[in-house]
Structures are given as structure tokens and as C-alpha cells.
Amino acid sequence: MVDVCAFGHITKESEVFKEVFRTFTAGPPYFFSIALRRLGSNVKVVTKIAASDLDIISELIDLGINVVVRESMHTSSFHTRYGKSLDERYIEVLSIADPFTIDDLKYCSEGKFIYVGPLTTEDFNIEFLIEARKYAPIILDVQGFTRRVVGNRIEYVDWSWKHEGARYIDVFKADIKEAGIITKINDPVEAIDVILEWGPREVMITSNKGAYLGVKGVGKFFSPFRVREIKGRVGRGDTCIASYIHARLKGMDYAKSLIFATAATSLKLSYQGPLRNDETEVLKYIKDNYSDVDPRHLPTK
């Protein structure tokens, strides 16, 4: 059985990071599915790509990931510049792929989880979430629901139907900026409480420091990223939530799963591109770098 069915756009990207220009493949399901696969979970991807851009899924195919391509008039493509902080990004829109519909669910509805990874406000609608939730618990990376395309740029906005949509989400992922946009609260610990009230069972918020986790009826946790030099910011959140889901699928408790997620993400942050490490390497990294971490100790403001 498929562990996770992942829906979202795989993208053609370029960026200026630390004054270096590069082109690469990205998109939430790209980093998410590769991390799951390399850690040992079984993932299937449904994406929408123009016929001329099928080469961008070659890495997933080579890893043995089952990819269903729904042909689109365009492939989503973006150019990103970073500001003073790694959480400060300026995104230029080059093209956008077709949105997903409930008809796309027939290509992957057998997973233990369904992952929804929007890049813009138009990628998924409430009908998709309602129908998907009939098949499996939903993991949502909310980032796209805070990104509205205006001309050739991204404008950051509140998720307009968040109270209705969040009711269908089981595992909710946001970065600290997105959490602030949708809750109007800058403190991630307080933002978690607000989002949990909307309906999700688990809420993860990533930041430059690490990842925060809130679990309804259990408590809140924090684990840091520990990396000497950040060389690959793109895909941080996708890798973190994928690694967390893998750990939960393996039966780890919430605290250990969060440590596993931040350790895997720390490894990924040390190089560009998706996660290259397997589960054994992540566990060794935890042993070497996380023995002093108490996930119940939350950072002070």
C-alpha cells in the first residue's frame, strides 16, 4: 500500500542565493516525495506538467517513485530572490500549471495519508479537500494558500477560507511567516494554539531556529536545526514535514518524530537539492548531535 499520495506542482525554478544564480527543479511534492522515498517510505505523486517539460520528473522516476503526470498547458515556474533573512523571499512568477480538481483524486486515493502542497491560492479548492478527506487523513502545507499571483509576482495574503478548509486537515504545516499571516500572531507557540482550534490534530511550524509541533491533547514540542553552514534553503519545510511523517509511519512518538524531522532537515540544509540521506544516516546524526535536546523545552521569545 502507498504510504502517502502527494498532490502538487513540480516546478522549474531559478534563484539568487548568497549572490549565486542557479536553476533547479523544485515544488512541494518534489522535495517531499524524495525525502520520503530516501528514508524508506512508499510515496506516489500526482502532478501537472507541460508535455515539453517531462524531464523534470526524471530524478523521481530514477528513485522508483510512481509519478502520475496530468498534462498541463504550462509548467509552474518561479524565480526567487532572498532578502536579509532566509524567511524573506521575493518570488517572480514565470508561469503557472493548471489547478487540481477532484477528478485528479482517482489517480491516487489509496494512501495512508494524502498530501496537499499548493504553490498558489488557485492550485486547490475546498471541494478537493472535502473529497480527499473521504479517502485518508490530509497533510497540508499551507504555503500556497498564502500566495496570490498578481501579474508576474507573488502577493502574500491570508488564506481566505481557512476556517472552513482547516476542518478537513489532520496534519498542518506552515513556516513562521505563513503562520503569522493566517493567525496574525508572530509567536509560533501561540500560533499553533490558534491553528489547532481550527481543527487539525497536529500543527508543525518551521523557522530559522528549528521546528515547533503542537499535538491536540498531547502538548507542544520544539527541536532545533543543527547545521554548520546552510547551503540549501529551498525545500526546508517540505523535507521537515516529510521526515516527520516518515517517523510517525515508523511508529516513533511525537517528540522523537520531531527530532528525526529536524535532524533530517539539518542534513538537507547542508547541501543544495533534496534530501540525500537515508534513515540510518539520520539516526546517526541524531545520536551525534541531538543527545541534549529536550523537545518539551520551548524557546523563550
Protein backbone atom coordinates (compact mmCIF):
# COMPACT_ATOMS: atom_id res chain seq x y z
CA MET A 1 0.00 0.00 0.00
CA VAL A 2 1.13 3.55 -0.71
CA ASP A 3 2.09 5.39 2.48
CA VAL A 4 1.41 8.86 1.08
CA CYS A 5 -0.32 10.13 -2.05
CA ALA A 6 1.22 13.54 -2.81
CA PHE A 7 -0.58 16.15 -4.93
CA GLY A 8 1.11 19.33 -6.12
CA HIS A 9 3.09 21.04 -8.84
CA ILE A 10 6.69 20.13 -9.62
CA THR A 11 8.35 23.30 -10.83
CA LYS A 12 11.12 24.77 -12.95
CA GLU A 13 12.93 27.25 -10.73
CA SER A 14 15.77 29.72 -10.58
CA GLU A 15 17.11 31.70 -7.64
CA VAL A 16 19.74 34.11 -6.43
CA PHE A 17 21.02 32.70 -3.13
CA LYS A 18 24.07 34.28 -1.47
CA GLU A 19 24.68 36.16 -4.75
CA VAL A 20 24.85 32.91 -6.74
CA PHE A 21 22.38 32.27 -9.59
CA ARG A 22 21.23 28.74 -10.36
CA THR A 23 18.38 26.83 -11.98
CA PHE A 24 16.84 23.71 -10.45
CA THR A 25 13.75 21.54 -10.08
CA ALA A 26 11.54 22.17 -7.07
CA GLY A 27 7.94 22.25 -5.85
CA PRO A 28 6.47 20.81 -2.63
CA PRO A 29 5.91 17.24 -3.92
CA TYR A 30 9.45 17.13 -5.37
CA PHE A 31 11.27 17.65 -2.05
CA PHE A 32 8.53 15.92 -0.05
CA SER A 33 8.44 12.71 -2.12
CA ILE A 34 12.21 12.36 -2.49
CA ALA A 35 12.69 12.72 1.28
CA LEU A 36 10.05 10.08 1.98
CA ARG A 37 11.47 7.71 -0.62
CA ARG A 38 15.08 8.03 0.54
CA LEU A 39 14.04 7.50 4.15
CA GLY A 40 12.19 4.32 3.19
CA SER A 41 8.51 5.23 2.88
CA ASN A 42 6.37 4.49 -0.16
CA VAL A 43 5.07 7.62 -1.92
CA LYS A 44 3.13 8.28 -5.12
CA VAL A 45 2.98 11.71 -6.79
CA VAL A 46 0.25 13.27 -8.92
CA THR A 47 1.45 16.44 -10.65
CA LYS A 48 0.67 18.67 -13.66
CA ILE A 49 3.39 19.49 -16.18
CA ALA A 50 3.57 20.68 -19.78
CA ALA A 51 4.44 17.91 -22.26
CA SER A 52 7.72 19.65 -23.12
CA ASP A 53 8.96 19.56 -19.51
CA LEU A 54 8.71 15.88 -18.59
CA ASP A 55 12.44 15.76 -17.93
CA ILE A 56 11.91 17.49 -14.57
CA ILE A 57 10.47 14.31 -13.05
CA SER A 58 13.43 12.12 -14.11
CA GLU A 59 15.01 12.16 -10.64
CA LEU A 60 11.77 10.91 -9.07
CA ILE A 61 11.45 8.16 -11.66
CA ASP A 62 15.07 7.09 -11.12
CA LEU A 63 14.35 6.74 -7.39
CA GLY A 64 11.42 4.44 -8.11
CA ILE A 65 8.71 6.95 -7.22
CA ASN A 66 5.44 6.36 -9.07
CA VAL A 67 4.63 9.67 -10.76
CA VAL A 68 1.30 10.32 -12.49
CA VAL A 69 1.58 13.30 -14.84
CA ARG A 70 -1.58 15.14 -15.78
CA GLU A 71 -0.73 17.20 -18.83
CA SER A 72 -0.98 20.96 -18.35
CA MET A 73 -0.73 23.85 -20.80
CA HIS A 74 2.14 25.25 -18.70
CA THR A 75 4.57 24.07 -16.03
CA SER A 76 4.77 26.16 -12.87
CA SER A 77 7.96 28.22 -12.94
CA PHE A 78 9.32 30.81 -10.48
CA HIS A 79 12.40 32.95 -9.84
CA THR A 80 13.29 33.68 -6.20
CA ARG A 81 15.48 36.31 -4.57
CA TYR A 82 16.28 36.19 -0.86
CA GLY A 83 16.30 39.20 1.44
CA LYS A 84 18.20 39.73 4.67
CA SER A 85 16.62 36.61 6.19
CA LEU A 86 16.18 33.14 4.71
CA ASP A 87 12.48 33.53 5.55
CA GLU A 88 12.34 36.72 3.42
CA ARG A 89 11.75 35.70 -0.20
CA TYR A 90 10.75 37.68 -3.29
CA ILE A 91 9.14 35.47 -5.91
CA GLU A 92 8.64 36.29 -9.60
CA VAL A 93 6.03 34.18 -11.40
CA LEU A 94 7.08 32.96 -14.86
CA SER A 95 4.22 30.50 -15.50
CA ILE A 96 1.53 28.54 -13.61
CA ALA A 97 0.31 24.99 -14.22
CA ASP A 98 -3.37 24.03 -14.30
CA PRO A 99 -5.15 23.68 -10.93
CA PHE A 100 -6.05 20.33 -9.39
CA THR A 101 -9.64 19.07 -9.34
CA ILE A 102 -11.47 16.25 -7.58
CA ASP A 103 -11.11 14.22 -10.78
CA ASP A 104 -7.36 14.02 -10.09
CA LEU A 105 -8.02 12.06 -6.88
CA LYS A 106 -8.83 8.93 -8.89
CA TYR A 107 -5.12 8.65 -9.74
CA CYS A 108 -4.08 8.25 -6.11
CA SER A 109 -6.63 7.71 -3.37
CA GLU A 110 -5.20 4.62 -1.67
CA GLY A 111 -2.58 6.18 0.61
CA LYS A 112 -2.43 6.14 4.39
CA PHE A 113 -2.17 9.91 4.02
CA ILE A 114 -2.97 12.37 1.25
CA TYR A 115 -0.51 15.25 1.00
CA VAL A 116 -1.68 18.56 -0.49
CA GLY A 117 1.06 21.01 -1.45
CA PRO A 118 -0.29 24.18 -3.09
CA LEU A 119 2.05 26.82 -4.54
CA THR A 120 -0.63 29.46 -5.18
CA THR A 121 -4.16 30.23 -4.00
CA GLU A 122 -5.58 28.72 -7.21
CA ASP A 123 -3.99 25.25 -7.05
CA PHE A 124 -6.62 23.56 -4.85
CA ASN A 125 -10.14 24.42 -3.66
CA ILE A 126 -12.36 23.38 -0.77
CA GLU A 127 -14.09 20.71 -2.86
CA PHE A 128 -10.75 18.94 -3.35
CA LEU A 129 -10.08 18.87 0.41
CA ILE A 130 -13.58 17.65 1.23
CA GLU A 131 -13.37 14.82 -1.29
CA ALA A 132 -9.77 13.88 -0.43
CA ARG A 133 -10.59 13.64 3.28
CA LYS A 134 -13.07 10.84 2.44
CA TYR A 135 -10.13 8.66 1.42
CA ALA A 136 -7.40 9.37 4.01
CA PRO A 137 -6.15 11.87 6.58
CA ILE A 138 -4.80 15.01 4.90
CA ILE A 139 -1.39 16.60 5.33
CA LEU A 140 -1.45 20.24 4.18
CA ASP A 141 1.49 22.52 3.55
CA VAL A 142 -0.39 25.81 3.65
CA GLN A 143 2.21 27.94 1.86
CA GLY A 144 0.38 28.22 -1.48
CA PHE A 145 -2.83 29.36 0.14
CA THR A 146 -0.94 32.47 1.30
CA ARG A 147 0.49 33.21 -2.18
CA ARG A 148 -1.74 35.00 -4.67
CA VAL A 149 -0.47 35.60 -8.20
CA VAL A 150 -0.77 39.27 -9.17
CA GLY A 151 0.65 39.85 -12.64
CA ASN A 152 4.11 38.32 -12.55
CA ARG A 153 4.65 38.44 -8.83
CA ILE A 154 3.52 36.72 -5.65
CA GLU A 155 1.48 38.73 -3.17
CA TYR A 156 1.26 37.31 0.34
CA VAL A 157 -2.33 37.11 1.59
CA ASP A 158 -4.38 35.46 4.31
CA TRP A 159 -5.92 32.08 3.44
CA SER A 160 -9.41 33.37 2.70
CA TRP A 161 -11.28 30.12 3.51
CA LYS A 162 -9.01 28.91 6.32
CA HIS A 163 -11.73 28.25 8.91
CA GLU A 164 -13.71 26.06 6.53
CA GLY A 165 -10.68 24.39 4.95
CA ALA A 166 -8.73 23.66 8.14
CA ARG A 167 -11.59 21.47 9.39
CA TYR A 168 -10.54 18.83 6.83
CA ILE A 169 -6.82 18.88 7.70
CA ASP A 170 -5.17 16.38 10.04
CA VAL A 171 -1.52 17.46 9.85
CA PHE A 172 -0.99 21.17 9.18
CA LYS A 173 2.40 22.59 8.12
CA ALA A 174 3.41 26.26 7.81
CA ASP A 175 6.59 28.28 8.11
CA ILE A 176 6.78 31.10 10.63
CA LYS A 177 5.86 33.78 8.08
CA GLU A 178 2.83 31.88 6.77
CA ALA A 179 1.66 31.13 10.32
CA GLY A 180 1.87 34.82 11.12
CA ILE A 181 -0.13 35.75 8.02
CA ILE A 182 -3.02 33.41 8.74
CA THR A 183 -3.17 33.83 12.54
CA LYS A 184 -1.96 37.46 12.88
CA ILE A 185 0.36 36.14 15.62
CA ASN A 186 4.15 36.24 15.30
CA ASP A 187 4.93 33.83 18.14
CA PRO A 188 4.87 30.27 16.72
CA VAL A 189 3.85 28.67 20.02
CA GLU A 190 0.78 30.91 20.26
CA ALA A 191 0.05 30.48 16.54
CA ILE A 192 -0.02 26.70 17.00
CA ASP A 193 -2.78 27.02 19.60
CA VAL A 194 -4.89 29.10 17.22
CA ILE A 195 -4.49 26.68 14.30
CA LEU A 196 -5.26 23.66 16.49
CA GLU A 197 -8.56 25.32 17.41
CA TRP A 198 -9.49 25.41 13.72
CA GLY A 199 -9.49 21.63 13.50
CA PRO A 200 -6.12 19.99 12.70
CA ARG A 201 -4.79 17.32 15.06
CA GLU A 202 -1.11 18.17 14.54
CA VAL A 203 0.49 21.51 13.60
CA MET A 204 4.11 22.00 12.57
CA ILE A 205 5.67 25.45 12.17
CA THR A 206 9.22 25.77 10.84
CA SER A 207 11.56 28.71 11.39
CA ASN A 208 15.25 29.52 11.09
CA LYS A 209 15.68 28.11 14.61
CA GLY A 210 14.01 24.77 14.03
CA ALA A 211 10.55 23.23 14.07
CA TYR A 212 7.67 23.65 16.51
CA LEU A 213 5.00 20.98 16.87
CA GLY A 214 1.63 21.06 18.58
CA VAL A 215 -0.48 17.95 19.04
CA LYS A 216 -4.06 18.22 20.21
CA GLY A 217 -4.47 16.68 23.66
CA VAL A 218 -0.74 15.92 23.97
CA GLY A 219 1.27 19.15 24.09
CA LYS A 220 3.79 21.27 22.25
CA PHE A 221 7.37 20.48 21.29
CA PHE A 222 10.44 22.12 19.72
CA SER A 223 13.58 20.75 18.11
CA PRO A 224 16.37 22.85 16.57
CA PHE A 225 18.06 22.66 13.20
CA ARG A 226 21.75 21.95 13.74
CA VAL A 227 23.80 22.70 10.64
CA ARG A 228 27.21 24.39 10.38
CA GLU A 229 26.51 26.21 7.12
CA ILE A 230 23.23 26.50 5.25
CA LYS A 231 23.77 25.83 1.55
CA GLY A 232 20.27 24.69 0.52
CA ARG A 233 17.32 26.65 1.94
CA VAL A 234 14.84 25.60 -0.78
CA GLY A 235 12.85 22.56 0.31
CA ARG A 236 13.45 23.03 4.05
CA GLY A 237 9.82 22.80 5.08
CA ASP A 238 8.93 20.07 2.59
CA THR A 239 11.79 17.92 3.89
CA CYS A 240 10.86 18.61 7.51
CA ILE A 241 7.22 17.56 7.22
CA ALA A 242 8.12 14.55 5.04
CA SER A 243 10.67 13.35 7.59
CA TYR A 244 8.17 13.85 10.40
CA ILE A 245 5.53 11.81 8.56
CA HIS A 246 8.06 9.05 7.87
CA ALA A 247 8.94 8.87 11.56
CA ARG A 248 5.27 8.71 12.54
CA LEU A 249 4.67 5.95 9.99
CA LYS A 250 7.58 4.05 11.59
CA GLY A 251 5.86 4.28 14.97
CA MET A 252 8.00 6.94 16.65
CA ASP A 253 6.23 9.12 19.21
CA TYR A 254 5.63 12.81 18.54
CA ALA A 255 8.75 14.10 20.29
CA LYS A 256 11.10 11.59 18.63
CA SER A 257 9.43 12.20 15.28
CA LEU A 258 10.10 15.93 15.57
CA ILE A 259 13.76 15.35 16.44
CA PHE A 260 14.03 12.98 13.49
CA ALA A 261 12.47 15.62 11.22
CA THR A 262 14.82 18.41 12.29
CA ALA A 263 17.87 16.16 12.07
CA ALA A 264 16.98 15.08 8.52
CA THR A 265 16.30 18.70 7.59
CA SER A 266 19.63 19.80 9.08
CA LEU A 267 21.40 17.31 6.84
CA LYS A 268 19.46 18.60 3.83
CA LEU A 269 20.24 22.24 4.69
CA SER A 270 23.96 21.48 4.41
CA TYR A 271 23.68 20.98 0.63
CA GLN A 272 21.52 22.13 -2.26
CA GLY A 273 18.73 19.96 -3.60
CA PRO A 274 16.53 17.31 -1.98
CA LEU A 275 17.45 15.01 0.89
CA ARG A 276 20.27 12.59 0.02
CA ASN A 277 20.43 10.70 3.31
CA ASP A 278 18.67 7.53 4.39
CA GLU A 279 17.08 6.66 7.73
CA THR A 280 20.24 5.09 9.15
CA GLU A 281 22.25 8.23 8.44
CA VAL A 282 19.61 10.42 10.06
CA LEU A 283 19.55 8.25 13.18
CA LYS A 284 23.35 8.51 13.41
CA TYR A 285 23.11 12.29 13.04
CA ILE A 286 20.64 12.34 15.93
CA LYS A 287 22.99 10.28 18.09
CA ASP A 288 25.89 12.63 17.33
CA ASN A 289 24.06 15.96 17.52
CA TYR A 290 20.76 15.72 19.44
CA SER A 291 21.52 13.90 22.71
CA ASP A 292 20.98 17.11 24.69
CA VAL A 293 17.67 18.11 23.08
CA ASP A 294 14.53 18.07 25.21
CA PRO A 295 11.61 18.63 22.77
CA ARG A 296 9.31 19.76 25.61
CA HIS A 297 11.58 22.72 26.33
CA LEU A 298 10.18 25.52 24.17
CA PRO A 299 12.41 28.50 23.26
CA THR A 300 11.71 31.76 25.01
CA LYS A 301 10.67 34.76 22.95
